[in-house]
Amino acid sequence: MLAAGSTTWLLKELVHERRPDDSDNRSFPSGHTSVSFAAATTLEKRYGWKAGLPALAVARFVGLARVEADKHYIHDVLAGAAIGGASGFLLTGRHDDRVRLVPWAAHKGGGFEVAWRF
């Protein structure tokens, strides 16, 4: 999601497209859509279609809502979906229950422990 958000921010700084409601010039691409699709694609790739399908439906709803709210054009949403989908797909691995990253905390510190079952 960080990669999708950063890419979206950079494009908004480079491309100054006016919003349909004329509120500002940061329409392209849709940030809400890019982050939503990044999260949904990450869930799908990491945990499979049972987690991904509902998340993708929500991401699609977010994109459509942004168009309906007159905050984005359809190409803004499509670009956001492509950025988010690509980020989630390229930067996420499948879930492996043999390896766990476990956080821990103590009085004067904390950290992470890696547990590997083989």
PDB file of N, CA and C in Angstrom:
ATOM      1  N   MET A   1       0.824  -1.183   0.000  1.00  0.00           N
ATOM      2  CA  MET A   1       0.000   0.000   0.000  1.00  0.00           C
ATOM      3  C   MET A   1       0.872   1.251   0.000  1.00  0.00           C
ATOM      4  N   LEU A   2       2.024   1.149   0.652  1.00  0.00           N
ATOM      5  CA  LEU A   2       2.954   2.279   0.645  1.00  0.00           C
ATOM      6  C   LEU A   2       3.457   2.566  -0.771  1.00  0.00           C
ATOM      7  N   ALA A   3       3.771   1.530  -1.521  1.00  0.00           N
ATOM      8  CA  ALA A   3       4.243   1.720  -2.902  1.00  0.00           C
ATOM      9  C   ALA A   3       3.151   2.340  -3.765  1.00  0.00           C
ATOM     10  N   ALA A   4       1.924   1.860  -3.613  1.00  0.00           N
ATOM     11  CA  ALA A   4       0.813   2.415  -4.397  1.00  0.00           C
ATOM     12  C   ALA A   4       0.553   3.871  -4.017  1.00  0.00           C
ATOM     13  N   GLY A   5       0.546   4.147  -2.722  1.00  0.00           N
ATOM     14  CA  GLY A   5       0.321   5.519  -2.268  1.00  0.00           C
ATOM     15  C   GLY A   5       1.417   6.470  -2.714  1.00  0.00           C
ATOM     16  N   SER A   6       2.656   6.015  -2.660  1.00  0.00           N
ATOM     17  CA  SER A   6       3.786   6.855  -3.085  1.00  0.00           C
ATOM     18  C   SER A   6       3.753   7.125  -4.586  1.00  0.00           C
ATOM     19  N   THR A   7       3.453   6.100  -5.354  1.00  0.00           N
ATOM     20  CA  THR A   7       3.360   6.272  -6.815  1.00  0.00           C
ATOM     21  C   THR A   7       2.231   7.227  -7.166  1.00  0.00           C
ATOM     22  N   THR A   8       1.112   7.065  -6.486  1.00  0.00           N
ATOM     23  CA  THR A   8      -0.033   7.943  -6.720  1.00  0.00           C
ATOM     24  C   THR A   8       0.314   9.387  -6.377  1.00  0.00           C
ATOM     25  N   TRP A   9       0.958   9.586  -5.222  1.00  0.00           N
ATOM     26  CA  TRP A   9       1.336  10.934  -4.813  1.00  0.00           C
ATOM     27  C   TRP A   9       2.257  11.576  -5.854  1.00  0.00           C
ATOM     28  N   LEU A  10       3.247  10.809  -6.320  1.00  0.00           N
ATOM     29  CA  LEU A  10       4.189  11.334  -7.313  1.00  0.00           C
ATOM     30  C   LEU A  10       3.465  11.741  -8.596  1.00  0.00           C
ATOM     31  N   LEU A  11       2.553  10.895  -9.053  1.00  0.00           N
ATOM     32  CA  LEU A  11       1.811  11.232 -10.274  1.00  0.00           C
ATOM     33  C   LEU A  11       0.915  12.448 -10.076  1.00  0.00           C
ATOM     34  N   LYS A  12       0.322  12.583  -8.902  1.00  0.00           N
ATOM     35  CA  LYS A  12      -0.504  13.762  -8.628  1.00  0.00           C
ATOM     36  C   LYS A  12       0.341  15.040  -8.667  1.00  0.00           C
ATOM     37  N   GLU A  13       1.613  14.932  -8.229  1.00  0.00           N
ATOM     38  CA  GLU A  13       2.516  16.085  -8.263  1.00  0.00           C
ATOM     39  C   GLU A  13       2.959  16.424  -9.693  1.00  0.00           C
ATOM     40  N   LEU A  14       3.050  15.412 -10.547  1.00  0.00           N
ATOM     41  CA  LEU A  14       3.508  15.619 -11.920  1.00  0.00           C
ATOM     42  C   LEU A  14       2.380  15.977 -12.884  1.00  0.00           C
ATOM     43  N   VAL A  15       1.213  15.383 -12.685  1.00  0.00           N
ATOM     44  CA  VAL A  15       0.066  15.583 -13.583  1.00  0.00           C
ATOM     45  C   VAL A  15      -0.967  16.417 -12.833  1.00  0.00           C
ATOM     46  N   HIS A  16      -1.204  17.583 -13.298  1.00  0.00           N
ATOM     47  CA  HIS A  16      -2.135  18.483 -12.605  1.00  0.00           C
ATOM     48  C   HIS A  16      -3.485  18.511 -13.326  1.00  0.00           C
ATOM     49  N   GLU A  17      -4.253  17.460 -13.136  1.00  0.00           N
ATOM     50  CA  GLU A  17      -5.568  17.363 -13.778  1.00  0.00           C
ATOM     51  C   GLU A  17      -6.647  17.865 -12.820  1.00  0.00           C
ATOM     52  N   ARG A  18      -7.520  18.740 -13.316  1.00  0.00           N
ATOM     53  CA  ARG A  18      -8.618  19.278 -12.513  1.00  0.00           C
ATOM     54  C   ARG A  18      -9.626  18.188 -12.214  1.00  0.00           C
ATOM     55  N   ARG A  19     -10.181  18.221 -11.023  1.00  0.00           N
ATOM     56  CA  ARG A  19     -11.233  17.281 -10.646  1.00  0.00           C
ATOM     57  C   ARG A  19     -12.526  17.649 -11.368  1.00  0.00           C
ATOM     58  N   PRO A  20     -13.408  16.674 -11.544  1.00  0.00           N
ATOM     59  CA  PRO A  20     -14.698  16.980 -12.190  1.00  0.00           C
ATOM     60  C   PRO A  20     -15.502  18.044 -11.443  1.00  0.00           C
ATOM     61  N   ASP A  21     -15.374  18.098 -10.106  1.00  0.00           N
ATOM     62  CA  ASP A  21     -16.105  19.111  -9.341  1.00  0.00           C
ATOM     63  C   ASP A  21     -15.343  20.433  -9.269  1.00  0.00           C
ATOM     64  N   ASP A  22     -14.180  20.491  -9.936  1.00  0.00           N
ATOM     65  CA  ASP A  22     -13.362  21.702 -10.048  1.00  0.00           C
ATOM     66  C   ASP A  22     -12.806  22.181  -8.700  1.00  0.00           C
ATOM     67  N   SER A  23     -12.669  21.261  -7.725  1.00  0.00           N
ATOM     68  CA  SER A  23     -12.204  21.661  -6.395  1.00  0.00           C
ATOM     69  C   SER A  23     -10.687  21.849  -6.322  1.00  0.00           C
ATOM     70  N   ASP A  24      -9.921  21.091  -7.112  1.00  0.00           N
ATOM     71  CA  ASP A  24      -8.472  21.267  -7.162  1.00  0.00           C
ATOM     72  C   ASP A  24      -7.928  20.568  -8.405  1.00  0.00           C
ATOM     73  N   ASN A  25      -6.603  20.511  -8.507  1.00  0.00           N
ATOM     74  CA  ASN A  25      -5.986  19.914  -9.695  1.00  0.00           C
ATOM     75  C   ASN A  25      -5.215  18.630  -9.338  1.00  0.00           C
ATOM     76  N   ARG A  26      -5.783  17.817  -8.445  1.00  0.00           N
ATOM     77  CA  ARG A  26      -5.126  16.580  -8.013  1.00  0.00           C
ATOM     78  C   ARG A  26      -6.010  15.366  -8.292  1.00  0.00           C
ATOM     79  N   SER A  27      -6.602  15.342  -9.463  1.00  0.00           N
ATOM     80  CA  SER A  27      -7.530  14.273  -9.795  1.00  0.00           C
ATOM     81  C   SER A  27      -6.840  12.980 -10.231  1.00  0.00           C
ATOM     82  N   PHE A  28      -5.736  13.094 -10.952  1.00  0.00           N
ATOM     83  CA  PHE A  28      -5.102  11.905 -11.544  1.00  0.00           C
ATOM     84  C   PHE A  28      -3.876  11.480 -10.772  1.00  0.00           C
ATOM     85  N   PRO A  29      -3.787  10.218 -10.432  1.00  0.00           N
ATOM     86  CA  PRO A  29      -4.787   9.149 -10.395  1.00  0.00           C
ATOM     87  C   PRO A  29      -5.532   9.150  -9.066  1.00  0.00           C
ATOM     88  N   SER A  30      -6.500   8.293  -8.921  1.00  0.00           N
ATOM     89  CA  SER A  30      -7.288   8.227  -7.695  1.00  0.00           C
ATOM     90  C   SER A  30      -6.497   7.525  -6.591  1.00  0.00           C
ATOM     91  N   GLY A  31      -6.197   8.251  -5.530  1.00  0.00           N
ATOM     92  CA  GLY A  31      -5.461   7.690  -4.406  1.00  0.00           C
ATOM     93  C   GLY A  31      -6.287   6.698  -3.604  1.00  0.00           C
ATOM     94  N   HIS A  32      -7.563   7.020  -3.371  1.00  0.00           N
ATOM     95  CA  HIS A  32      -8.428   6.087  -2.651  1.00  0.00           C
ATOM     96  C   HIS A  32      -8.479   4.743  -3.382  1.00  0.00           C
ATOM     97  N   THR A  33      -8.601   4.810  -4.697  1.00  0.00           N
ATOM     98  CA  THR A  33      -8.697   3.580  -5.487  1.00  0.00           C
ATOM     99  C   THR A  33      -7.383   2.824  -5.503  1.00  0.00           C
ATOM    100  N   SER A  34      -6.270   3.518  -5.641  1.00  0.00           N
ATOM    101  CA  SER A  34      -4.988   2.814  -5.706  1.00  0.00           C
ATOM    102  C   SER A  34      -4.691   2.079  -4.401  1.00  0.00           C
ATOM    103  N   VAL A  35      -4.926   2.714  -3.272  1.00  0.00           N
ATOM    104  CA  VAL A  35      -4.664   2.062  -1.992  1.00  0.00           C
ATOM    105  C   VAL A  35      -5.667   0.930  -1.744  1.00  0.00           C
ATOM    106  N   SER A  36      -6.920   1.119  -2.136  1.00  0.00           N
ATOM    107  CA  SER A  36      -7.926   0.061  -1.979  1.00  0.00           C
ATOM    108  C   SER A  36      -7.568  -1.170  -2.797  1.00  0.00           C
ATOM    109  N   PHE A  37      -7.150  -0.965  -4.032  1.00  0.00           N
ATOM    110  CA  PHE A  37      -6.775  -2.104  -4.875  1.00  0.00           C
ATOM    111  C   PHE A  37      -5.465  -2.727  -4.424  1.00  0.00           C
ATOM    112  N   ALA A  38      -4.550  -1.944  -3.880  1.00  0.00           N
ATOM    113  CA  ALA A  38      -3.315  -2.514  -3.344  1.00  0.00           C
ATOM    114  C   ALA A  38      -3.633  -3.448  -2.180  1.00  0.00           C
ATOM    115  N   ALA A  39      -4.508  -3.012  -1.281  1.00  0.00           N
ATOM    116  CA  ALA A  39      -4.892  -3.846  -0.143  1.00  0.00           C
ATOM    117  C   ALA A  39      -5.617  -5.104  -0.611  1.00  0.00           C
ATOM    118  N   ALA A  40      -6.547  -4.948  -1.535  1.00  0.00           N
ATOM    119  CA  ALA A  40      -7.325  -6.091  -2.017  1.00  0.00           C
ATOM    120  C   ALA A  40      -6.449  -7.101  -2.749  1.00  0.00           C
ATOM    121  N   THR A  41      -5.564  -6.618  -3.586  1.00  0.00           N
ATOM    122  CA  THR A  41      -4.684  -7.521  -4.325  1.00  0.00           C
ATOM    123  C   THR A  41      -3.703  -8.212  -3.382  1.00  0.00           C
ATOM    124  N   THR A  42      -3.235  -7.500  -2.384  1.00  0.00           N
ATOM    125  CA  THR A  42      -2.364  -8.100  -1.387  1.00  0.00           C
ATOM    126  C   THR A  42      -3.080  -9.229  -0.654  1.00  0.00           C
ATOM    127  N   LEU A  43      -4.308  -8.995  -0.238  1.00  0.00           N
ATOM    128  CA  LEU A  43      -5.081 -10.040   0.439  1.00  0.00           C
ATOM    129  C   LEU A  43      -5.303 -11.244  -0.464  1.00  0.00           C
ATOM    130  N   GLU A  44      -5.611 -10.986  -1.731  1.00  0.00           N
ATOM    131  CA  GLU A  44      -5.854 -12.088  -2.663  1.00  0.00           C
ATOM    132  C   GLU A  44      -4.590 -12.912  -2.884  1.00  0.00           C
ATOM    133  N   LYS A  45      -3.480 -12.233  -3.102  1.00  0.00           N
ATOM    134  CA  LYS A  45      -2.244 -12.967  -3.381  1.00  0.00           C
ATOM    135  C   LYS A  45      -1.725 -13.688  -2.133  1.00  0.00           C
ATOM    136  N   ARG A  46      -1.881 -13.082  -0.982  1.00  0.00           N
ATOM    137  CA  ARG A  46      -1.344 -13.676   0.240  1.00  0.00           C
ATOM    138  C   ARG A  46      -2.225 -14.800   0.785  1.00  0.00           C
ATOM    139  N   TYR A  47      -3.559 -14.623   0.734  1.00  0.00           N
ATOM    140  CA  TYR A  47      -4.458 -15.570   1.381  1.00  0.00           C
ATOM    141  C   TYR A  47      -5.420 -16.285   0.436  1.00  0.00           C
ATOM    142  N   GLY A  48      -5.408 -15.929  -0.846  1.00  0.00           N
ATOM    143  CA  GLY A  48      -6.264 -16.620  -1.803  1.00  0.00           C
ATOM    144  C   GLY A  48      -7.555 -15.876  -2.114  1.00  0.00           C
ATOM    145  N   TRP A  49      -8.330 -16.480  -2.991  1.00  0.00           N
ATOM    146  CA  TRP A  49      -9.520 -15.805  -3.515  1.00  0.00           C
ATOM    147  C   TRP A  49     -10.597 -15.593  -2.464  1.00  0.00           C
ATOM    148  N   LYS A  50     -10.652 -16.444  -1.434  1.00  0.00           N
ATOM    149  CA  LYS A  50     -11.699 -16.272  -0.420  1.00  0.00           C
ATOM    150  C   LYS A  50     -11.536 -14.960   0.345  1.00  0.00           C
ATOM    151  N   ALA A  51     -10.323 -14.529   0.535  1.00  0.00           N
ATOM    152  CA  ALA A  51     -10.074 -13.225   1.153  1.00  0.00           C
ATOM    153  C   ALA A  51     -10.061 -12.125   0.109  1.00  0.00           C
ATOM    154  N   GLY A  52      -9.560 -12.446  -1.077  1.00  0.00           N
ATOM    155  CA  GLY A  52      -9.394 -11.432  -2.109  1.00  0.00           C
ATOM    156  C   GLY A  52     -10.665 -10.987  -2.789  1.00  0.00           C
ATOM    157  N   LEU A  53     -11.575 -11.906  -3.027  1.00  0.00           N
ATOM    158  CA  LEU A  53     -12.794 -11.557  -3.767  1.00  0.00           C
ATOM    159  C   LEU A  53     -13.634 -10.494  -3.057  1.00  0.00           C
ATOM    160  N   PRO A  54     -13.929 -10.650  -1.761  1.00  0.00           N
ATOM    161  CA  PRO A  54     -14.678  -9.576  -1.088  1.00  0.00           C
ATOM    162  C   PRO A  54     -13.898  -8.259  -1.056  1.00  0.00           C
ATOM    163  N   ALA A  55     -12.587  -8.341  -0.861  1.00  0.00           N
ATOM    164  CA  ALA A  55     -11.775  -7.125  -0.816  1.00  0.00           C
ATOM    165  C   ALA A  55     -11.765  -6.425  -2.177  1.00  0.00           C
ATOM    166  N   LEU A  56     -11.689  -7.198  -3.253  1.00  0.00           N
ATOM    167  CA  LEU A  56     -11.734  -6.600  -4.592  1.00  0.00           C
ATOM    168  C   LEU A  56     -13.095  -5.970  -4.871  1.00  0.00           C
ATOM    169  N   ALA A  57     -14.157  -6.574  -4.352  1.00  0.00           N
ATOM    170  CA  ALA A  57     -15.487  -5.977  -4.509  1.00  0.00           C
ATOM    171  C   ALA A  57     -15.564  -4.628  -3.793  1.00  0.00           C
ATOM    172  N   VAL A  58     -14.985  -4.557  -2.602  1.00  0.00           N
ATOM    173  CA  VAL A  58     -14.959  -3.284  -1.865  1.00  0.00           C
ATOM    174  C   VAL A  58     -14.108  -2.259  -2.603  1.00  0.00           C
ATOM    175  N   ALA A  59     -12.961  -2.675  -3.132  1.00  0.00           N
ATOM    176  CA  ALA A  59     -12.097  -1.756  -3.870  1.00  0.00           C
ATOM    177  C   ALA A  59     -12.817  -1.215  -5.109  1.00  0.00           C
ATOM    178  N   ARG A  60     -13.533  -2.090  -5.782  1.00  0.00           N
ATOM    179  CA  ARG A  60     -14.309  -1.646  -6.955  1.00  0.00           C
ATOM    180  C   ARG A  60     -15.369  -0.627  -6.541  1.00  0.00           C
ATOM    181  N   PHE A  61     -16.028  -0.881  -5.424  1.00  0.00           N
ATOM    182  CA  PHE A  61     -17.024   0.058  -4.910  1.00  0.00           C
ATOM    183  C   PHE A  61     -16.385   1.417  -4.614  1.00  0.00           C
ATOM    184  N   VAL A  62     -15.197   1.409  -4.019  1.00  0.00           N
ATOM    185  CA  VAL A  62     -14.490   2.667  -3.714  1.00  0.00           C
ATOM    186  C   VAL A  62     -14.259   3.453  -5.001  1.00  0.00           C
ATOM    187  N   GLY A  63     -13.766   2.780  -6.027  1.00  0.00           N
ATOM    188  CA  GLY A  63     -13.525   3.459  -7.301  1.00  0.00           C
ATOM    189  C   GLY A  63     -14.791   4.044  -7.900  1.00  0.00           C
ATOM    190  N   LEU A  64     -15.849   3.251  -7.917  1.00  0.00           N
ATOM    191  CA  LEU A  64     -17.126   3.737  -8.460  1.00  0.00           C
ATOM    192  C   LEU A  64     -17.676   4.900  -7.636  1.00  0.00           C
ATOM    193  N   ALA A  65     -17.514   4.820  -6.315  1.00  0.00           N
ATOM    194  CA  ALA A  65     -17.994   5.894  -5.448  1.00  0.00           C
ATOM    195  C   ALA A  65     -17.253   7.203  -5.714  1.00  0.00           C
ATOM    196  N   ARG A  66     -15.953   7.118  -6.018  1.00  0.00           N
ATOM    197  CA  ARG A  66     -15.180   8.322  -6.308  1.00  0.00           C
ATOM    198  C   ARG A  66     -15.659   8.998  -7.597  1.00  0.00           C
ATOM    199  N   VAL A  67     -16.053   8.182  -8.569  1.00  0.00           N
ATOM    200  CA  VAL A  67     -16.599   8.743  -9.813  1.00  0.00           C
ATOM    201  C   VAL A  67     -17.976   9.340  -9.548  1.00  0.00           C
ATOM    202  N   GLU A  68     -18.806   8.606  -8.817  1.00  0.00           N
ATOM    203  CA  GLU A  68     -20.162   9.087  -8.506  1.00  0.00           C
ATOM    204  C   GLU A  68     -20.144  10.359  -7.662  1.00  0.00           C
ATOM    205  N   ALA A  69     -19.145  10.494  -6.801  1.00  0.00           N
ATOM    206  CA  ALA A  69     -19.021  11.685  -5.957  1.00  0.00           C
ATOM    207  C   ALA A  69     -18.461  12.874  -6.724  1.00  0.00           C
ATOM    208  N   ASP A  70     -18.158  12.652  -7.999  1.00  0.00           N
ATOM    209  CA  ASP A  70     -17.639  13.706  -8.866  1.00  0.00           C
ATOM    210  C   ASP A  70     -16.248  14.185  -8.435  1.00  0.00           C
ATOM    211  N   LYS A  71     -15.470  13.274  -7.839  1.00  0.00           N
ATOM    212  CA  LYS A  71     -14.103  13.593  -7.428  1.00  0.00           C
ATOM    213  C   LYS A  71     -13.074  13.117  -8.448  1.00  0.00           C
ATOM    214  N   HIS A  72     -13.463  12.141  -9.301  1.00  0.00           N
ATOM    215  CA  HIS A  72     -12.539  11.589 -10.286  1.00  0.00           C
ATOM    216  C   HIS A  72     -13.257  11.253 -11.581  1.00  0.00           C
ATOM    217  N   TYR A  73     -12.486  11.294 -12.655  1.00  0.00           N
ATOM    218  CA  TYR A  73     -12.945  10.769 -13.931  1.00  0.00           C
ATOM    219  C   TYR A  73     -12.682   9.264 -13.937  1.00  0.00           C
ATOM    220  N   ILE A  74     -13.308   8.553 -14.850  1.00  0.00           N
ATOM    221  CA  ILE A  74     -13.144   7.103 -14.902  1.00  0.00           C
ATOM    222  C   ILE A  74     -11.689   6.717 -15.162  1.00  0.00           C
ATOM    223  N   HIS A  75     -10.965   7.486 -15.975  1.00  0.00           N
ATOM    224  CA  HIS A  75      -9.564   7.131 -16.230  1.00  0.00           C
ATOM    225  C   HIS A  75      -8.691   7.332 -14.990  1.00  0.00           C
ATOM    226  N   ASP A  76      -9.067   8.230 -14.093  1.00  0.00           N
ATOM    227  CA  ASP A  76      -8.343   8.391 -12.826  1.00  0.00           C
ATOM    228  C   ASP A  76      -8.470   7.131 -11.982  1.00  0.00           C
ATOM    229  N   VAL A  77      -9.681   6.600 -11.935  1.00  0.00           N
ATOM    230  CA  VAL A  77      -9.967   5.401 -11.150  1.00  0.00           C
ATOM    231  C   VAL A  77      -9.302   4.175 -11.775  1.00  0.00           C
ATOM    232  N   LEU A  78      -9.347   4.069 -13.093  1.00  0.00           N
ATOM    233  CA  LEU A  78      -8.707   2.934 -13.763  1.00  0.00           C
ATOM    234  C   LEU A  78      -7.187   2.957 -13.539  1.00  0.00           C
ATOM    235  N   ALA A  79      -6.593   4.137 -13.597  1.00  0.00           N
ATOM    236  CA  ALA A  79      -5.156   4.252 -13.340  1.00  0.00           C
ATOM    237  C   ALA A  79      -4.844   3.896 -11.889  1.00  0.00           C
ATOM    238  N   GLY A  80      -5.665   4.359 -10.958  1.00  0.00           N
ATOM    239  CA  GLY A  80      -5.477   4.016  -9.551  1.00  0.00           C
ATOM    240  C   GLY A  80      -5.587   2.520  -9.313  1.00  0.00           C
ATOM    241  N   ALA A  81      -6.562   1.886  -9.960  1.00  0.00           N
ATOM    242  CA  ALA A  81      -6.731   0.437  -9.824  1.00  0.00           C
ATOM    243  C   ALA A  81      -5.523  -0.303 -10.393  1.00  0.00           C
ATOM    244  N   ALA A  82      -4.997   0.161 -11.510  1.00  0.00           N
ATOM    245  CA  ALA A  82      -3.821  -0.479 -12.114  1.00  0.00           C
ATOM    246  C   ALA A  82      -2.588  -0.321 -11.221  1.00  0.00           C
ATOM    247  N   ILE A  83      -2.393   0.862 -10.666  1.00  0.00           N
ATOM    248  CA  ILE A  83      -1.255   1.106  -9.772  1.00  0.00           C
ATOM    249  C   ILE A  83      -1.365   0.229  -8.524  1.00  0.00           C
ATOM    250  N   GLY A  84      -2.532   0.227  -7.915  1.00  0.00           N
ATOM    251  CA  GLY A  84      -2.734  -0.573  -6.708  1.00  0.00           C
ATOM    252  C   GLY A  84      -2.630  -2.059  -6.975  1.00  0.00           C
ATOM    253  N   GLY A  85      -3.254  -2.504  -8.055  1.00  0.00           N
ATOM    254  CA  GLY A  85      -3.193  -3.924  -8.393  1.00  0.00           C
ATOM    255  C   GLY A  85      -1.778  -4.382  -8.680  1.00  0.00           C
ATOM    256  N   ALA A  86      -1.041  -3.590  -9.426  1.00  0.00           N
ATOM    257  CA  ALA A  86       0.347  -3.943  -9.736  1.00  0.00           C
ATOM    258  C   ALA A  86       1.206  -3.953  -8.474  1.00  0.00           C
ATOM    259  N   SER A  87       1.014  -2.987  -7.602  1.00  0.00           N
ATOM    260  CA  SER A  87       1.788  -2.927  -6.351  1.00  0.00           C
ATOM    261  C   SER A  87       1.521  -4.156  -5.493  1.00  0.00           C
ATOM    262  N   GLY A  88       0.256  -4.471  -5.303  1.00  0.00           N
ATOM    263  CA  GLY A  88      -0.090  -5.628  -4.485  1.00  0.00           C
ATOM    264  C   GLY A  88       0.409  -6.928  -5.081  1.00  0.00           C
ATOM    265  N   PHE A  89       0.305  -7.062  -6.394  1.00  0.00           N
ATOM    266  CA  PHE A  89       0.721  -8.294  -7.053  1.00  0.00           C
ATOM    267  C   PHE A  89       2.239  -8.465  -7.035  1.00  0.00           C
ATOM    268  N   LEU A  90       2.951  -7.401  -7.338  1.00  0.00           N
ATOM    269  CA  LEU A  90       4.409  -7.495  -7.466  1.00  0.00           C
ATOM    270  C   LEU A  90       5.144  -7.542  -6.127  1.00  0.00           C
ATOM    271  N   LEU A  91       4.564  -6.987  -5.084  1.00  0.00           N
ATOM    272  CA  LEU A  91       5.280  -6.852  -3.816  1.00  0.00           C
ATOM    273  C   LEU A  91       4.776  -7.766  -2.706  1.00  0.00           C
ATOM    274  N   THR A  92       3.910  -8.711  -3.024  1.00  0.00           N
ATOM    275  CA  THR A  92       3.337  -9.592  -2.005  1.00  0.00           C
ATOM    276  C   THR A  92       3.646 -11.044  -2.322  1.00  0.00           C
ATOM    277  N   GLY A  93       3.996 -11.790  -1.286  1.00  0.00           N
ATOM    278  CA  GLY A  93       4.218 -13.229  -1.433  1.00  0.00           C
ATOM    279  C   GLY A  93       3.073 -14.011  -0.826  1.00  0.00           C
ATOM    280  N   ARG A  94       2.984 -15.272  -1.171  1.00  0.00           N
ATOM    281  CA  ARG A  94       1.975 -16.160  -0.601  1.00  0.00           C
ATOM    282  C   ARG A  94       2.212 -16.330   0.892  1.00  0.00           C
ATOM    283  N   HIS A  95       1.140 -16.557   1.622  1.00  0.00           N
ATOM    284  CA  HIS A  95       1.225 -16.815   3.051  1.00  0.00           C
ATOM    285  C   HIS A  95       1.878 -18.173   3.292  1.00  0.00           C
ATOM    286  N   ASP A  96       2.844 -18.211   4.177  1.00  0.00           N
ATOM    287  CA  ASP A  96       3.531 -19.445   4.527  1.00  0.00           C
ATOM    288  C   ASP A  96       3.402 -19.617   6.034  1.00  0.00           C
ATOM    289  N   ASP A  97       2.549 -20.547   6.459  1.00  0.00           N
ATOM    290  CA  ASP A  97       2.317 -20.691   7.892  1.00  0.00           C
ATOM    291  C   ASP A  97       3.473 -21.380   8.621  1.00  0.00           C
ATOM    292  N   ARG A  98       4.507 -21.789   7.888  1.00  0.00           N
ATOM    293  CA  ARG A  98       5.683 -22.365   8.529  1.00  0.00           C
ATOM    294  C   ARG A  98       6.588 -21.292   9.115  1.00  0.00           C
ATOM    295  N   VAL A  99       6.474 -20.061   8.604  1.00  0.00           N
ATOM    296  CA  VAL A  99       7.309 -18.961   9.089  1.00  0.00           C
ATOM    297  C   VAL A  99       6.394 -17.910   9.712  1.00  0.00           C
ATOM    298  N   ARG A 100       6.752 -17.502  10.931  1.00  0.00           N
ATOM    299  CA  ARG A 100       5.954 -16.485  11.617  1.00  0.00           C
ATOM    300  C   ARG A 100       6.860 -15.397  12.158  1.00  0.00           C
ATOM    301  N   LEU A 101       6.392 -14.184  12.050  1.00  0.00           N
ATOM    302  CA  LEU A 101       7.071 -13.039  12.642  1.00  0.00           C
ATOM    303  C   LEU A 101       6.235 -12.631  13.849  1.00  0.00           C
ATOM    304  N   VAL A 102       6.788 -12.806  15.044  1.00  0.00           N
ATOM    305  CA  VAL A 102       6.030 -12.595  16.276  1.00  0.00           C
ATOM    306  C   VAL A 102       6.591 -11.387  17.021  1.00  0.00           C
ATOM    307  N   PRO A 103       5.765 -10.360  17.260  1.00  0.00           N
ATOM    308  CA  PRO A 103       6.246  -9.210  18.031  1.00  0.00           C
ATOM    309  C   PRO A 103       6.291  -9.555  19.529  1.00  0.00           C
ATOM    310  N   TRP A 104       7.203  -8.925  20.255  1.00  0.00           N
ATOM    311  CA  TRP A 104       7.263  -9.105  21.694  1.00  0.00           C
ATOM    312  C   TRP A 104       7.614  -7.775  22.349  1.00  0.00           C
ATOM    313  N   ALA A 105       7.252  -7.641  23.607  1.00  0.00           N
ATOM    314  CA  ALA A 105       7.534  -6.413  24.351  1.00  0.00           C
ATOM    315  C   ALA A 105       7.982  -6.773  25.752  1.00  0.00           C
ATOM    316  N   ALA A 106       8.879  -5.969  26.286  1.00  0.00           N
ATOM    317  CA  ALA A 106       9.371  -6.126  27.650  1.00  0.00           C
ATOM    318  C   ALA A 106       9.439  -4.743  28.287  1.00  0.00           C
ATOM    319  N   HIS A 107       9.825  -4.701  29.538  1.00  0.00           N
ATOM    320  CA  HIS A 107       9.866  -3.438  30.274  1.00  0.00           C
ATOM    321  C   HIS A 107      10.753  -2.393  29.602  1.00  0.00           C
ATOM    322  N   LYS A 108      11.912  -2.788  29.103  1.00  0.00           N
ATOM    323  CA  LYS A 108      12.833  -1.820  28.517  1.00  0.00           C
ATOM    324  C   LYS A 108      13.071  -2.047  27.034  1.00  0.00           C
ATOM    325  N   GLY A 109      12.094  -2.544  26.346  1.00  0.00           N
ATOM    326  CA  GLY A 109      12.301  -2.731  24.913  1.00  0.00           C
ATOM    327  C   GLY A 109      11.293  -3.677  24.305  1.00  0.00           C
ATOM    328  N   GLY A 110      11.625  -4.132  23.149  1.00  0.00           N
ATOM    329  CA  GLY A 110      10.757  -5.034  22.422  1.00  0.00           C
ATOM    330  C   GLY A 110      11.410  -5.377  21.099  1.00  0.00           C
ATOM    331  N   GLY A 111      10.726  -6.143  20.327  1.00  0.00           N
ATOM    332  CA  GLY A 111      11.263  -6.510  19.038  1.00  0.00           C
ATOM    333  C   GLY A 111      10.401  -7.549  18.353  1.00  0.00           C
ATOM    334  N   PHE A 112      10.998  -8.264  17.433  1.00  0.00           N
ATOM    335  CA  PHE A 112      10.315  -9.311  16.684  1.00  0.00           C
ATOM    336  C   PHE A 112      11.116 -10.600  16.778  1.00  0.00           C
ATOM    337  N   GLU A 113      10.408 -11.671  16.853  1.00  0.00           N
ATOM    338  CA  GLU A 113      11.023 -13.000  16.862  1.00  0.00           C
ATOM    339  C   GLU A 113      10.543 -13.736  15.625  1.00  0.00           C
ATOM    340  N   VAL A 114      11.446 -14.390  14.952  1.00  0.00           N
ATOM    341  CA  VAL A 114      11.077 -15.194  13.790  1.00  0.00           C
ATOM    342  C   VAL A 114      10.990 -16.645  14.225  1.00  0.00           C
ATOM    343  N   ALA A 115       9.833 -17.247  13.992  1.00  0.00           N
ATOM    344  CA  ALA A 115       9.628 -18.660  14.307  1.00  0.00           C
ATOM    345  C   ALA A 115       9.474 -19.416  12.992  1.00  0.00           C
ATOM    346  N   TRP A 116      10.255 -20.503  12.849  1.00  0.00           N
ATOM    347  CA  TRP A 116      10.232 -21.268  11.610  1.00  0.00           C
ATOM    348  C   TRP A 116       9.991 -22.728  11.947  1.00  0.00           C
ATOM    349  N   ARG A 117       8.912 -23.268  11.412  1.00  0.00           N
ATOM    350  CA  ARG A 117       8.569 -24.669  11.635  1.00  0.00           C
ATOM    351  C   ARG A 117       9.000 -25.475  10.424  1.00  0.00           C
ATOM    352  N   PHE A 118       9.757 -26.551  10.625  1.00  0.00           N
ATOM    353  CA  PHE A 118      10.189 -27.387   9.503  1.00  0.00           C
ATOM    354  C   PHE A 118      10.149 -28.857   9.876  1.00  0.00           C
TER     355      PHE A 118
END
